[in-house]
């Protein structure tokens, strides 16, 4: 595990001070992606908020310029930050859709969408199903699982020994 770095400043080769959001560190090498601590910080920030983060805000969070952040993020994750963030929102929506007590509008707002129409369009483009279809499939799968468990053979529970026969004593010496 990589520890979070201490204060640093890459100007003039000195290692003192700390990068400020107003003066981000510019990208020197793109072949390296984001450090583990940087990715973790961005993930935690995005997952803890229901509103989307701008590219500038994510870059500033870890002290990089927007262009450097975007290049390093793509190297690390294999897709641009905006696309990744959208997929995180869809994944959160998939989880929330399993709750039958939540409306689609509540889920849309909880995932940072301005309207349920925008949510439905984004969800459909990403998953190939509307949120309502996805919810129905989840209910059907849950119902099938419940019926499978109800009809499962009782061999999973040990049977009581027949009358007059006692079970072997596990502590007996043979």
Foldseek 3Di string as FASTA:
>chain_A
DDDDDDAQDPPPNGGDHHAALVHADEDDDLLAADDPVLVVQLVVVLVVDLADDDLSRSQRSNRYHSVSNQSRPCNVPVDGPVVVSLVVLLVQLLVVLLDPVDDLQNSCSSNHHPGSVVVQVSNCVVPVDGSVVSSVVSVVVVVVVVVCVVPPDPVVPDDDDDPPDDDDDPPDDD
